[in-house]
Amino acid sequence: MKGDTAFFYSVLYRMLTLNGKSLGRKETGKDTYYAEFEVSYKPGKLEAIGYRNGKKVGTCKLETTGSVSKIQANPVWKEMSRDGKDINIIEIRLTDDKGRTVPEAENEIIVSVTGGAKLIGIDSPNLYYTGNFKTDRRKAQNGTLLVTVQSNGKNEKTVINLSSKGIKDTTISF
């Protein structure tokens, strides 16, 4: 990630490392709960370690990713009722060859749903999006999308195909 880095956490102080090398420690603000570090961009792993009363109480890691190589899809529920009302949400992540979400990825994903469900919407973390949510395609934001499907009352397996230019299609079923 390029740019300034701020970590929010209710700890007394925070230590920052880049590729295993310490970039120093800073106390968190009494009222703001964050410590701010200026970091020059270098590829690798940036890790913030939080301490309270001298004990390590939490970590947060950011790691440089490769380019998008795969669409990963994970349904929130592994099964869906065939009653014509039930819904399921599928979490979509654009990942590199190591399975890490690529935060800069904004690929357009095309969604096809067949069998026991119908597509009812696609959403992304883009809070400023004002377009159509009930379409079969959407650009990812921060490498992610949410796809919502609804049972159509048919007693059939639901099959969802996800495609994007330059990436192998992904198909899931439940």
C-alpha atoms as a PDB file:
ATOM      1  CA  MET A   1       0.000   0.000   0.000  1.00  0.00           C
ATOM      2  CA  LYS A   2       1.308   3.424  -0.865  1.00  0.00           C
ATOM      3  CA  GLY A   3       0.879   6.498   1.330  1.00  0.00           C
ATOM      4  CA  ASP A   4       0.585   7.448   4.973  1.00  0.00           C
ATOM      5  CA  THR A   5      -0.377   4.756   7.429  1.00  0.00           C
ATOM      6  CA  ALA A   6      -2.465   5.142  10.573  1.00  0.00           C
ATOM      7  CA  PHE A   7      -3.458   2.288  12.874  1.00  0.00           C
ATOM      8  CA  PHE A   8      -6.426   2.578  15.210  1.00  0.00           C
ATOM      9  CA  TYR A   9      -6.498   0.396  18.302  1.00  0.00           C
ATOM     10  CA  SER A  10      -6.983   0.861  22.022  1.00  0.00           C
ATOM     11  CA  VAL A  11      -3.389   0.143  23.017  1.00  0.00           C
ATOM     12  CA  LEU A  12      -0.839   2.234  24.857  1.00  0.00           C
ATOM     13  CA  TYR A  13       1.741   2.104  22.101  1.00  0.00           C
ATOM     14  CA  ARG A  14       2.313   0.661  18.688  1.00  0.00           C
ATOM     15  CA  MET A  15       5.446  -0.692  17.029  1.00  0.00           C
ATOM     16  CA  LEU A  16       5.688  -0.768  13.232  1.00  0.00           C
ATOM     17  CA  THR A  17       7.882  -3.106  11.188  1.00  0.00           C
ATOM     18  CA  LEU A  18       8.522  -3.287   7.455  1.00  0.00           C
ATOM     19  CA  ASN A  19       9.883  -6.568   6.128  1.00  0.00           C
ATOM     20  CA  GLY A  20      10.882  -7.518   9.679  1.00  0.00           C
ATOM     21  CA  LYS A  21      12.799  -4.294  10.383  1.00  0.00           C
ATOM     22  CA  SER A  22      11.504  -1.990  13.130  1.00  0.00           C
ATOM     23  CA  LEU A  23      10.356   1.475  12.055  1.00  0.00           C
ATOM     24  CA  GLY A  24       9.979   2.571  15.653  1.00  0.00           C
ATOM     25  CA  ARG A  25       7.406   2.801  18.421  1.00  0.00           C
ATOM     26  CA  LYS A  26       4.830   5.480  19.096  1.00  0.00           C
ATOM     27  CA  GLU A  27       2.352   6.032  21.852  1.00  0.00           C
ATOM     28  CA  THR A  28      -1.257   6.112  20.814  1.00  0.00           C
ATOM     29  CA  GLY A  29      -3.184   9.293  21.490  1.00  0.00           C
ATOM     30  CA  LYS A  30      -5.008   9.402  24.817  1.00  0.00           C
ATOM     31  CA  ASP A  31      -8.287  10.396  23.155  1.00  0.00           C
ATOM     32  CA  THR A  32      -7.740   9.298  19.553  1.00  0.00           C
ATOM     33  CA  TYR A  33      -6.464   5.716  19.984  1.00  0.00           C
ATOM     34  CA  TYR A  34      -4.136   5.841  17.013  1.00  0.00           C
ATOM     35  CA  ALA A  35      -0.484   6.235  16.180  1.00  0.00           C
ATOM     36  CA  GLU A  36       0.572   7.691  12.849  1.00  0.00           C
ATOM     37  CA  PHE A  37       3.751   6.766  10.997  1.00  0.00           C
ATOM     38  CA  GLU A  38       5.169   8.219   7.781  1.00  0.00           C
ATOM     39  CA  VAL A  39       6.423   5.297   5.737  1.00  0.00           C
ATOM     40  CA  SER A  40       8.106   5.355   2.333  1.00  0.00           C
ATOM     41  CA  TYR A  41       6.613   2.699   0.104  1.00  0.00           C
ATOM     42  CA  LYS A  42       8.564  -0.522  -0.253  1.00  0.00           C
ATOM     43  CA  PRO A  43       7.077  -3.827  -1.383  1.00  0.00           C
ATOM     44  CA  GLY A  44       6.778  -6.445   1.328  1.00  0.00           C
ATOM     45  CA  LYS A  45       5.037  -6.890   4.648  1.00  0.00           C
ATOM     46  CA  LEU A  46       4.066  -3.994   6.922  1.00  0.00           C
ATOM     47  CA  GLU A  47       3.130  -5.075  10.449  1.00  0.00           C
ATOM     48  CA  ALA A  48       1.781  -3.052  13.348  1.00  0.00           C
ATOM     49  CA  ILE A  49       2.086  -4.607  16.793  1.00  0.00           C
ATOM     50  CA  GLY A  50       0.013  -3.232  19.654  1.00  0.00           C
ATOM     51  CA  TYR A  51       1.108  -3.337  23.280  1.00  0.00           C
ATOM     52  CA  ARG A  52      -0.742  -2.689  26.516  1.00  0.00           C
ATOM     53  CA  ASN A  53       1.043  -2.813  29.881  1.00  0.00           C
ATOM     54  CA  GLY A  54       4.145  -4.196  28.170  1.00  0.00           C
ATOM     55  CA  LYS A  55       2.290  -7.159  26.652  1.00  0.00           C
ATOM     56  CA  LYS A  56       1.671  -7.762  22.972  1.00  0.00           C
ATOM     57  CA  VAL A  57      -2.117  -7.629  22.510  1.00  0.00           C
ATOM     58  CA  GLY A  58      -2.647  -7.509  18.757  1.00  0.00           C
ATOM     59  CA  THR A  59      -1.191  -7.272  15.286  1.00  0.00           C
ATOM     60  CA  CYS A  60      -2.297  -5.958  11.924  1.00  0.00           C
ATOM     61  CA  LYS A  61      -0.500  -6.883   8.695  1.00  0.00           C
ATOM     62  CA  LEU A  62      -0.527  -5.495   5.167  1.00  0.00           C
ATOM     63  CA  GLU A  63       1.340  -7.315   2.432  1.00  0.00           C
ATOM     64  CA  THR A  64       2.175  -6.373  -1.131  1.00  0.00           C
ATOM     65  CA  THR A  65       0.199  -8.560  -3.509  1.00  0.00           C
ATOM     66  CA  GLY A  66       0.747  -9.721  -7.049  1.00  0.00           C
ATOM     67  CA  SER A  67      -1.650  -9.147  -9.922  1.00  0.00           C
ATOM     68  CA  VAL A  68      -5.125 -10.703 -10.007  1.00  0.00           C
ATOM     69  CA  SER A  69      -5.011 -14.347 -11.081  1.00  0.00           C
ATOM     70  CA  LYS A  70      -8.226 -15.805  -9.666  1.00  0.00           C
ATOM     71  CA  ILE A  71     -11.810 -15.056  -8.686  1.00  0.00           C
ATOM     72  CA  GLN A  72     -12.634 -16.644  -5.321  1.00  0.00           C
ATOM     73  CA  ALA A  73     -16.268 -17.124  -4.332  1.00  0.00           C
ATOM     74  CA  ASN A  74     -17.506 -18.085  -0.882  1.00  0.00           C
ATOM     75  CA  PRO A  75     -21.234 -18.442  -0.150  1.00  0.00           C
ATOM     76  CA  VAL A  76     -22.162 -17.282   3.351  1.00  0.00           C
ATOM     77  CA  TRP A  77     -24.442 -20.325   3.713  1.00  0.00           C
ATOM     78  CA  LYS A  78     -23.563 -23.689   2.173  1.00  0.00           C
ATOM     79  CA  GLU A  79     -27.249 -24.502   1.616  1.00  0.00           C
ATOM     80  CA  MET A  80     -30.319 -22.541   0.609  1.00  0.00           C
ATOM     81  CA  SER A  81     -33.995 -23.385   1.066  1.00  0.00           C
ATOM     82  CA  ARG A  82     -35.880 -23.972  -2.198  1.00  0.00           C
ATOM     83  CA  ASP A  83     -38.942 -22.051  -0.961  1.00  0.00           C
ATOM     84  CA  GLY A  84     -38.739 -19.144  -3.413  1.00  0.00           C
ATOM     85  CA  LYS A  85     -37.900 -16.713  -0.579  1.00  0.00           C
ATOM     86  CA  ASP A  86     -34.543 -17.710   0.920  1.00  0.00           C
ATOM     87  CA  ILE A  87     -31.441 -15.737  -0.062  1.00  0.00           C
ATOM     88  CA  ASN A  88     -27.718 -16.351  -0.006  1.00  0.00           C
ATOM     89  CA  ILE A  89     -24.820 -13.918  -0.185  1.00  0.00           C
ATOM     90  CA  ILE A  90     -21.662 -14.863  -2.030  1.00  0.00           C
ATOM     91  CA  GLU A  91     -18.463 -13.071  -1.040  1.00  0.00           C
ATOM     92  CA  ILE A  92     -16.270 -12.476  -4.092  1.00  0.00           C
ATOM     93  CA  ARG A  93     -12.550 -11.762  -3.782  1.00  0.00           C
ATOM     94  CA  LEU A  94     -10.061 -11.089  -6.564  1.00  0.00           C
ATOM     95  CA  THR A  95      -6.843 -12.783  -5.467  1.00  0.00           C
ATOM     96  CA  ASP A  96      -3.247 -13.176  -6.563  1.00  0.00           C
ATOM     97  CA  ASP A  97      -1.515 -16.521  -7.080  1.00  0.00           C
ATOM     98  CA  LYS A  98      -0.942 -16.825  -3.301  1.00  0.00           C
ATOM     99  CA  GLY A  99      -4.653 -16.369  -2.484  1.00  0.00           C
ATOM    100  CA  ARG A 100      -4.249 -12.817  -1.139  1.00  0.00           C
ATOM    101  CA  THR A 101      -6.963 -10.276  -1.944  1.00  0.00           C
ATOM    102  CA  VAL A 102      -5.617  -7.656  -4.354  1.00  0.00           C
ATOM    103  CA  PRO A 103      -6.843  -4.363  -2.831  1.00  0.00           C
ATOM    104  CA  GLU A 104      -6.289  -2.325  -6.013  1.00  0.00           C
ATOM    105  CA  ALA A 105      -8.364  -4.714  -8.172  1.00  0.00           C
ATOM    106  CA  GLU A 106     -11.340  -3.090  -9.871  1.00  0.00           C
ATOM    107  CA  ASN A 107     -12.055  -5.754 -12.490  1.00  0.00           C
ATOM    108  CA  GLU A 108     -15.570  -5.983 -13.865  1.00  0.00           C
ATOM    109  CA  ILE A 109     -17.136  -9.292 -12.845  1.00  0.00           C
ATOM    110  CA  ILE A 110     -19.976 -10.831 -14.868  1.00  0.00           C
ATOM    111  CA  VAL A 111     -22.336 -13.066 -12.863  1.00  0.00           C
ATOM    112  CA  SER A 112     -24.512 -15.847 -14.276  1.00  0.00           C
ATOM    113  CA  VAL A 113     -26.943 -17.786 -12.052  1.00  0.00           C
ATOM    114  CA  THR A 114     -28.794 -20.930 -13.160  1.00  0.00           C
ATOM    115  CA  GLY A 115     -30.766 -23.706 -11.486  1.00  0.00           C
ATOM    116  CA  GLY A 116     -32.513 -23.140  -8.166  1.00  0.00           C
ATOM    117  CA  ALA A 117     -31.888 -19.407  -7.724  1.00  0.00           C
ATOM    118  CA  LYS A 118     -31.911 -16.041  -9.460  1.00  0.00           C
ATOM    119  CA  LEU A 119     -29.535 -13.105  -9.193  1.00  0.00           C
ATOM    120  CA  ILE A 120     -31.082 -10.248  -7.211  1.00  0.00           C
ATOM    121  CA  GLY A 121     -28.138  -7.900  -6.781  1.00  0.00           C
ATOM    122  CA  ILE A 122     -24.428  -7.145  -6.809  1.00  0.00           C
ATOM    123  CA  ASP A 123     -22.753  -4.728  -4.398  1.00  0.00           C
ATOM    124  CA  SER A 124     -19.249  -3.467  -3.698  1.00  0.00           C
ATOM    125  CA  PRO A 125     -17.618  -1.409  -0.930  1.00  0.00           C
ATOM    126  CA  ASN A 126     -17.902   1.687  -3.160  1.00  0.00           C
ATOM    127  CA  LEU A 127     -20.063   3.985  -1.003  1.00  0.00           C
ATOM    128  CA  TYR A 128     -20.451   6.492  -3.846  1.00  0.00           C
ATOM    129  CA  TYR A 129     -21.862   4.066  -6.408  1.00  0.00           C
ATOM    130  CA  THR A 130     -25.209   5.284  -7.750  1.00  0.00           C
ATOM    131  CA  GLY A 131     -25.735   2.798 -10.582  1.00  0.00           C
ATOM    132  CA  ASN A 132     -27.929  -0.261 -10.910  1.00  0.00           C
ATOM    133  CA  PHE A 133     -27.522  -2.962  -8.253  1.00  0.00           C
ATOM    134  CA  LYS A 134     -29.814  -5.363 -10.154  1.00  0.00           C
ATOM    135  CA  THR A 135     -27.526  -6.095 -13.067  1.00  0.00           C
ATOM    136  CA  ASP A 136     -25.358  -9.055 -14.028  1.00  0.00           C
ATOM    137  CA  ARG A 137     -22.051  -7.157 -13.871  1.00  0.00           C
ATOM    138  CA  ARG A 138     -20.193  -4.839 -11.547  1.00  0.00           C
ATOM    139  CA  LYS A 139     -16.686  -3.491 -10.989  1.00  0.00           C
ATOM    140  CA  ALA A 140     -14.966  -4.718  -7.850  1.00  0.00           C
ATOM    141  CA  GLN A 141     -13.824  -2.249  -5.214  1.00  0.00           C
ATOM    142  CA  ASN A 142     -10.843  -3.097  -2.987  1.00  0.00           C
ATOM    143  CA  GLY A 143     -10.780  -6.469  -4.759  1.00  0.00           C
ATOM    144  CA  THR A 144     -14.215  -7.477  -3.443  1.00  0.00           C
ATOM    145  CA  LEU A 145     -17.896  -7.771  -4.350  1.00  0.00           C
ATOM    146  CA  LEU A 146     -21.022  -9.227  -2.770  1.00  0.00           C
ATOM    147  CA  VAL A 147     -23.472 -11.171  -4.936  1.00  0.00           C
ATOM    148  CA  THR A 148     -26.974 -11.837  -3.611  1.00  0.00           C
ATOM    149  CA  VAL A 149     -29.136 -14.642  -4.994  1.00  0.00           C
ATOM    150  CA  GLN A 150     -32.675 -15.706  -4.111  1.00  0.00           C
ATOM    151  CA  SER A 151     -34.318 -19.094  -4.356  1.00  0.00           C
ATOM    152  CA  ASN A 152     -36.650 -19.321  -7.353  1.00  0.00           C
ATOM    153  CA  GLY A 153     -38.680 -22.206  -5.921  1.00  0.00           C
ATOM    154  CA  LYS A 154     -37.168 -24.862  -8.215  1.00  0.00           C
ATOM    155  CA  ASN A 155     -35.779 -27.956  -6.532  1.00  0.00           C
ATOM    156  CA  GLU A 156     -32.464 -27.686  -8.394  1.00  0.00           C
ATOM    157  CA  LYS A 157     -28.846 -27.089  -7.507  1.00  0.00           C
ATOM    158  CA  THR A 158     -27.869 -23.407  -7.796  1.00  0.00           C
ATOM    159  CA  VAL A 159     -24.905 -22.818 -10.113  1.00  0.00           C
ATOM    160  CA  ILE A 160     -23.107 -19.462 -10.157  1.00  0.00           C
ATOM    161  CA  ASN A 161     -20.507 -18.624 -12.802  1.00  0.00           C
ATOM    162  CA  LEU A 162     -18.199 -15.624 -12.373  1.00  0.00           C
ATOM    163  CA  SER A 163     -16.125 -14.271 -15.231  1.00  0.00           C
ATOM    164  CA  SER A 164     -13.786 -11.363 -15.852  1.00  0.00           C
ATOM    165  CA  LYS A 165     -11.574 -10.446 -18.784  1.00  0.00           C
ATOM    166  CA  GLY A 166      -8.151 -12.069 -18.525  1.00  0.00           C
ATOM    167  CA  ILE A 167      -9.035 -14.326 -15.556  1.00  0.00           C
ATOM    168  CA  LYS A 168     -10.218 -17.946 -15.638  1.00  0.00           C
ATOM    169  CA  ASP A 169     -13.946 -18.290 -14.861  1.00  0.00           C
ATOM    170  CA  THR A 170     -14.973 -19.539 -11.423  1.00  0.00           C
ATOM    171  CA  THR A 171     -18.072 -21.689 -10.876  1.00  0.00           C
ATOM    172  CA  ILE A 172     -19.623 -22.620  -7.533  1.00  0.00           C
ATOM    173  CA  SER A 173     -22.760 -24.573  -6.685  1.00  0.00           C
ATOM    174  CA  PHE A 174     -24.884 -25.328  -3.647  1.00  0.00           C
END
